[in-house]
């Protein structure tokens, strides 16, 4: 009888372990990589499942603009993909790169042409999807146009199994139509009023997004790999760890609010408990190397 119970217990543990591994396989660690960081980027991916190449924009005439991204930039992320098996997406938009969205998304013909352009670019360059970062729609009409753009992009990209994701500000609801049309939201839960990106503020951001109609399993909680002070100035995490007052359990160094190892560990645990898709990082080039690496903290936390 005891032998049978032991075998049954072992079988249960084996099945549970396999299920946990399956769950972990779906866990997302999305990291943005701006084109201006690539020269100094180590190329190491660690636990990152999705590298998002940043620097593309919509031109004022509503056309896709890839001029800031060189062949060497594309080659760098594709090499990381080959080595690690991660997915590689490209981001259209961002701060200072979003002015063309309003014209393009409001015009059915421009939208159709734009989606065709980015689909061709994705096909030609081996990308696994697109991330839209419109900062920011100004009214309900622009949010409706964004939903149409997302819906049409998803319809086209579904033919190839490519992802469609968005970066979303924590303060701006986009509505269920947008969330229904995409695979994932990269929630920019940082750049709050001082102190930025606290645990409490991230919890509030996630709850607000879910109440707006976004399913938990589509949310990747954004974490900053930089600090910001009361004057809105920034320092990278790699710079902050060099300060004498730094410690693993602190989230404030020399007036800069940031997410240190303990905070990152807590946010990963929160995201898992809440049933989120995973976490997101802005941005990979700001991390430190060695035992204080935040990517290392994330890797340990998701095991």
Protein backbone atom coordinates (compact mmCIF):
# COMPACT_ATOMS: atom_id res chain seq x y z
CA UNK A 1 0.00 0.00 0.00
CA UNK A 2 2.78 2.43 0.96
CA UNK A 3 4.66 1.52 -2.22
CA UNK A 4 1.59 2.23 -4.32
CA UNK A 5 1.12 5.59 -2.55
CA UNK A 6 4.77 6.48 -3.11
CA UNK A 7 4.51 5.66 -6.80
CA UNK A 8 1.28 7.67 -7.06
CA UNK A 9 2.90 10.62 -5.27
CA UNK A 10 5.93 10.44 -7.57
CA UNK A 11 3.68 10.34 -10.63
CA UNK A 12 1.73 13.36 -9.37
CA UNK A 13 4.93 15.33 -8.77
CA UNK A 14 6.18 14.41 -12.24
CA UNK A 15 2.96 15.57 -13.87
CA UNK A 16 2.95 18.78 -11.80
CA UNK A 17 6.58 19.49 -12.71
CA UNK A 18 5.80 18.98 -16.40
CA UNK A 19 2.83 21.35 -16.12
CA UNK A 20 4.97 24.02 -14.46
CA UNK A 21 7.52 23.73 -17.25
CA UNK A 22 4.73 24.08 -19.81
CA UNK A 23 3.46 27.18 -18.01
CA UNK A 24 6.96 28.67 -17.89
CA UNK A 25 7.33 28.04 -21.62
CA UNK A 26 4.51 30.56 -22.20
CA UNK A 27 5.97 33.16 -19.86
CA UNK A 28 7.02 36.32 -21.69
CA UNK A 29 10.06 38.47 -20.96
CA UNK A 30 9.92 41.21 -23.59
CA UNK A 31 12.86 43.61 -23.85
CA UNK A 32 13.11 46.73 -25.97
CA UNK A 33 16.40 47.39 -27.72
CA UNK A 34 16.78 50.91 -29.19
CA UNK A 35 18.93 51.27 -32.28
CA UNK A 36 21.17 53.73 -30.42
CA UNK A 37 22.11 51.00 -27.90
CA UNK A 38 23.04 48.26 -30.32
CA UNK A 39 26.71 49.25 -30.68
CA UNK A 40 27.27 48.76 -26.94
CA UNK A 41 24.88 45.83 -26.48
CA UNK A 42 26.53 42.55 -25.51
CA UNK A 43 24.13 40.51 -27.60
CA UNK A 44 23.26 38.39 -24.55
CA UNK A 45 19.55 37.64 -24.27
CA UNK A 46 19.35 35.61 -21.05
CA UNK A 47 15.68 35.01 -20.12
CA UNK A 48 14.32 37.38 -22.79
CA UNK A 49 11.75 35.67 -25.02
CA UNK A 50 11.00 38.70 -27.23
CA UNK A 51 13.58 41.27 -28.33
CA UNK A 52 11.86 44.37 -29.69
CA UNK A 53 13.99 46.47 -32.02
CA UNK A 54 13.11 50.12 -31.45
CA UNK A 55 13.52 53.05 -33.80
CA UNK A 56 10.94 52.80 -36.61
CA UNK A 57 8.34 55.48 -37.24
CA UNK A 58 5.41 56.60 -39.36
CA UNK A 59 6.36 59.41 -41.70
CA UNK A 60 4.17 62.55 -41.89
CA UNK A 61 2.64 61.27 -45.14
CA UNK A 62 1.54 58.06 -43.41
CA UNK A 63 4.21 55.74 -44.80
CA UNK A 64 6.36 53.22 -42.94
CA UNK A 65 9.79 54.69 -42.17
CA UNK A 66 12.64 52.23 -41.58
CA UNK A 67 15.46 54.66 -42.34
CA UNK A 68 16.92 54.74 -38.79
CA UNK A 69 17.51 50.99 -38.70
CA UNK A 70 20.56 49.78 -40.60
CA UNK A 71 21.27 46.30 -41.93
CA UNK A 72 23.82 45.83 -39.14
CA UNK A 73 21.14 46.59 -36.52
CA UNK A 74 18.83 43.99 -38.02
CA UNK A 75 21.67 41.51 -38.24
CA UNK A 76 22.51 41.98 -34.54
CA UNK A 77 19.05 41.04 -33.32
CA UNK A 78 18.72 38.20 -35.82
CA UNK A 79 22.01 36.78 -34.53
CA UNK A 80 20.61 36.90 -31.00
CA UNK A 81 17.51 35.10 -32.28
CA UNK A 82 19.59 32.33 -33.84
CA UNK A 83 21.65 31.85 -30.68
CA UNK A 84 18.84 31.90 -28.13
CA UNK A 85 15.67 30.98 -30.00
CA UNK A 86 13.95 34.21 -28.91
CA UNK A 87 11.43 35.99 -31.06
CA UNK A 88 12.34 39.33 -32.65
CA UNK A 89 9.77 42.08 -33.21
CA UNK A 90 10.16 45.63 -34.47
CA UNK A 91 8.55 48.64 -32.83
CA UNK A 92 6.85 51.39 -34.82
CA UNK A 93 6.43 54.63 -32.91
CA UNK A 94 7.55 55.81 -29.51
CA UNK A 95 8.23 59.23 -28.04
CA UNK A 96 9.02 61.64 -30.88
CA UNK A 97 8.25 58.98 -33.51
CA UNK A 98 4.45 58.91 -33.43
CA UNK A 99 3.37 62.03 -35.30
CA UNK A 100 2.34 60.17 -38.46
CA UNK A 101 -0.03 57.72 -36.76
CA UNK A 102 -3.05 60.03 -36.72
CA UNK A 103 -3.07 60.69 -40.47
CA UNK A 104 -2.30 57.11 -41.48
CA UNK A 105 -4.72 55.33 -39.16
CA UNK A 106 -7.65 57.60 -40.04
CA UNK A 107 -7.39 56.92 -43.78
CA UNK A 108 -8.51 53.43 -44.96
CA UNK A 109 -6.25 53.49 -48.01
CA UNK A 110 -3.19 54.67 -46.09
CA UNK A 111 -3.88 52.03 -43.41
CA UNK A 112 -4.08 49.28 -46.00
CA UNK A 113 -0.87 50.41 -47.68
CA UNK A 114 0.91 50.73 -44.33
CA UNK A 115 -0.05 47.21 -43.23
CA UNK A 116 1.17 45.86 -46.56
CA UNK A 117 4.46 47.71 -46.12
CA UNK A 118 5.17 46.38 -42.65
CA UNK A 119 4.09 42.85 -43.61
CA UNK A 120 6.55 42.88 -46.49
CA UNK A 121 9.27 44.23 -44.21
CA UNK A 122 8.56 41.54 -41.64
CA UNK A 123 8.74 38.84 -44.31
CA UNK A 124 11.93 40.15 -45.90
CA UNK A 125 13.85 40.59 -42.64
CA UNK A 126 12.83 37.58 -40.58
CA UNK A 127 10.82 39.36 -37.88
CA UNK A 128 8.21 37.58 -35.77
CA UNK A 129 5.83 40.49 -35.39
CA UNK A 130 5.26 44.20 -34.88
CA UNK A 131 4.85 46.34 -31.79
CA UNK A 132 2.91 49.62 -32.10
CA UNK A 133 3.83 52.44 -29.73
CA UNK A 134 1.58 55.41 -30.52
CA UNK A 135 2.40 58.13 -27.98
CA UNK A 136 -0.42 59.10 -27.75
CA UNK A 137 -3.91 59.05 -29.33
CA UNK A 138 -5.54 62.36 -28.52
CA UNK A 139 -9.25 61.49 -28.50
CA UNK A 140 -11.89 58.80 -29.01
CA UNK A 141 -11.69 59.10 -32.80
CA UNK A 142 -7.96 58.41 -32.79
CA UNK A 143 -8.38 55.46 -30.42
CA UNK A 144 -11.04 54.05 -32.78
CA UNK A 145 -8.64 54.50 -35.71
CA UNK A 146 -5.93 52.70 -33.72
CA UNK A 147 -8.31 49.78 -33.14
CA UNK A 148 -8.94 49.59 -36.89
CA UNK A 149 -5.20 49.62 -37.59
CA UNK A 150 -4.61 46.85 -35.05
CA UNK A 151 -7.48 44.75 -36.40
CA UNK A 152 -6.27 45.02 -39.99
CA UNK A 153 -2.67 44.34 -38.99
CA UNK A 154 -3.69 41.24 -37.02
CA UNK A 155 -5.76 39.95 -39.92
CA UNK A 156 -2.76 40.25 -42.25
CA UNK A 157 -0.18 38.96 -39.77
CA UNK A 158 -2.31 35.96 -38.75
CA UNK A 159 -1.63 34.49 -42.19
CA UNK A 160 2.01 34.07 -41.13
CA UNK A 161 1.60 33.45 -37.39
CA UNK A 162 3.22 36.79 -36.56
CA UNK A 163 2.51 38.70 -33.35
CA UNK A 164 0.84 42.09 -33.03
CA UNK A 165 1.55 43.90 -29.74
CA UNK A 166 1.21 47.42 -28.39
CA UNK A 167 3.06 49.56 -25.87
CA UNK A 168 0.53 51.39 -23.73
CA UNK A 169 0.87 54.25 -21.29
CA UNK A 170 -0.41 53.39 -17.84
CA UNK A 171 -2.69 56.44 -17.73
CA UNK A 172 -4.52 56.03 -21.05
CA UNK A 173 -7.32 53.47 -21.55
CA UNK A 174 -7.59 52.20 -25.12
CA UNK A 175 -10.71 50.07 -24.84
CA UNK A 176 -11.74 46.49 -25.53
CA UNK A 177 -11.67 46.81 -29.34
CA UNK A 178 -7.92 47.43 -29.23
CA UNK A 179 -7.27 44.62 -26.76
CA UNK A 180 -9.34 42.12 -28.74
CA UNK A 181 -7.23 42.79 -31.84
CA UNK A 182 -3.79 42.13 -30.35
CA UNK A 183 -1.69 39.40 -28.80
CA UNK A 184 -0.18 41.42 -25.97
CA UNK A 185 0.02 44.79 -24.21
CA UNK A 186 3.40 46.03 -23.02
CA UNK A 187 2.23 48.13 -20.08
CA UNK A 188 4.56 51.09 -19.57
CA UNK A 189 4.26 51.08 -15.79
CA UNK A 190 6.98 53.66 -15.21
CA UNK A 191 7.64 57.40 -15.59
CA UNK A 192 5.01 58.11 -12.95
CA UNK A 193 5.27 61.16 -10.75
CA UNK A 194 8.13 60.80 -8.30
CA UNK A 195 8.83 58.17 -7.14
CA UNK A 196 8.27 56.31 -10.38
CA UNK A 197 7.46 52.62 -10.83
CA UNK A 198 6.76 51.65 -7.24
CA UNK A 199 5.15 48.29 -6.50
CA UNK A 200 1.90 49.96 -5.50
CA UNK A 201 1.75 52.05 -8.68
CA UNK A 202 2.36 49.00 -10.86
CA UNK A 203 -0.42 47.09 -9.11
CA UNK A 204 -2.78 50.01 -9.71
CA UNK A 205 -1.74 50.19 -13.39
CA UNK A 206 -2.46 46.49 -13.94
CA UNK A 207 -5.84 46.68 -12.19
CA UNK A 208 -6.84 49.75 -14.24
CA UNK A 209 -5.89 48.02 -17.49
CA UNK A 210 -7.89 44.90 -16.61
CA UNK A 211 -10.92 47.01 -15.69
CA UNK A 212 -10.61 48.67 -19.10
CA UNK A 213 -11.17 45.29 -20.74
CA UNK A 214 -7.70 43.83 -21.24
CA UNK A 215 -7.40 40.19 -20.12
CA UNK A 216 -4.65 39.50 -17.58
CA UNK A 217 -3.08 36.92 -19.90
CA UNK A 218 -2.41 39.63 -22.48
CA UNK A 219 -0.57 42.00 -20.12
CA UNK A 220 3.21 42.19 -19.79
CA UNK A 221 4.11 44.40 -16.83
CA UNK A 222 6.70 46.98 -17.80
CA UNK A 223 9.70 47.63 -15.55
CA UNK A 224 12.33 50.34 -15.94
CA UNK A 225 16.02 49.49 -16.12
CA UNK A 226 16.75 53.12 -15.22
CA UNK A 227 16.11 55.60 -12.43
CA UNK A 228 14.34 58.95 -12.58
CA UNK A 229 14.54 61.84 -10.11
CA UNK A 230 12.18 64.67 -9.17
CA UNK A 231 13.59 66.82 -11.99
CA UNK A 232 12.77 64.03 -14.51
CA UNK A 233 16.44 63.35 -15.15
CA UNK A 234 17.50 59.74 -15.66
CA UNK A 235 20.38 57.39 -14.97
CA UNK A 236 20.72 53.82 -16.16
CA UNK A 237 20.63 50.97 -13.69
CA UNK A 238 24.26 50.24 -14.63
CA UNK A 239 25.17 53.75 -13.48
CA UNK A 240 23.14 53.57 -10.28
CA UNK A 241 24.82 50.41 -8.99
CA UNK A 242 28.12 52.30 -8.98
CA UNK A 243 26.85 54.67 -6.29
CA UNK A 244 28.01 54.02 -2.68
CA UNK A 245 24.42 54.05 -1.37
CA UNK A 246 23.25 51.24 -3.68
CA UNK A 247 22.02 47.97 -2.21
CA UNK A 248 19.96 45.10 -3.59
CA UNK A 249 16.94 45.96 -1.46
CA UNK A 250 16.81 49.68 -2.21
CA UNK A 251 14.68 51.48 -4.79
CA UNK A 252 16.11 54.97 -4.29
CA UNK A 253 19.72 56.03 -4.88
CA UNK A 254 20.89 59.66 -4.79
CA UNK A 255 17.34 60.84 -5.43
CA UNK A 256 16.75 58.47 -8.36
CA UNK A 257 13.76 56.13 -8.06
CA UNK A 258 14.31 52.82 -9.83
CA UNK A 259 13.62 49.09 -9.63
CA UNK A 260 16.45 47.22 -7.96
CA UNK A 261 16.88 43.43 -7.62
CA UNK A 262 14.42 43.05 -4.75
CA UNK A 263 11.75 45.14 -6.47
CA UNK A 264 12.17 43.28 -9.77
CA UNK A 265 11.84 39.96 -7.98
CA UNK A 266 8.65 41.16 -6.28
CA UNK A 267 7.15 42.38 -9.56
CA UNK A 268 7.84 39.09 -11.32
CA UNK A 269 6.16 37.26 -8.42
CA UNK A 270 3.19 39.65 -8.63
CA UNK A 271 2.88 39.16 -12.41
CA UNK A 272 2.89 35.39 -12.00
CA UNK A 273 0.36 35.45 -9.16
CA UNK A 274 -1.92 37.75 -11.17
CA UNK A 275 -1.80 35.46 -14.21
CA UNK A 276 -0.16 38.04 -16.47
CA UNK A 277 1.55 37.19 -19.75
CA UNK A 278 4.90 38.18 -18.27
CA UNK A 279 7.06 41.25 -17.90
CA UNK A 280 8.52 43.90 -20.19
CA UNK A 281 11.78 45.84 -19.93
CA UNK A 282 12.72 49.32 -21.04
CA UNK A 283 15.43 48.80 -22.00
CA UNK A 284 17.99 46.02 -22.38
CA UNK A 285 21.03 48.25 -22.88
CA UNK A 286 20.63 49.82 -19.41
CA UNK A 287 21.24 46.64 -17.43
CA UNK A 288 24.38 45.91 -15.41
CA UNK A 289 26.56 42.89 -15.98
CA UNK A 290 27.54 40.23 -13.49
CA UNK A 291 25.70 39.19 -10.33
CA UNK A 292 23.76 42.47 -10.10
CA UNK A 293 22.19 42.06 -13.54
CA UNK A 294 18.43 42.56 -13.45
CA UNK A 295 18.05 40.08 -16.29
CA UNK A 296 19.73 37.58 -14.00
CA UNK A 297 17.22 38.40 -11.26
CA UNK A 298 14.34 37.83 -13.70
CA UNK A 299 15.84 34.55 -14.87
CA UNK A 300 16.09 33.28 -11.30
CA UNK A 301 12.59 34.52 -10.45
CA UNK A 302 10.85 32.74 -13.33
CA UNK A 303 12.45 29.34 -12.71
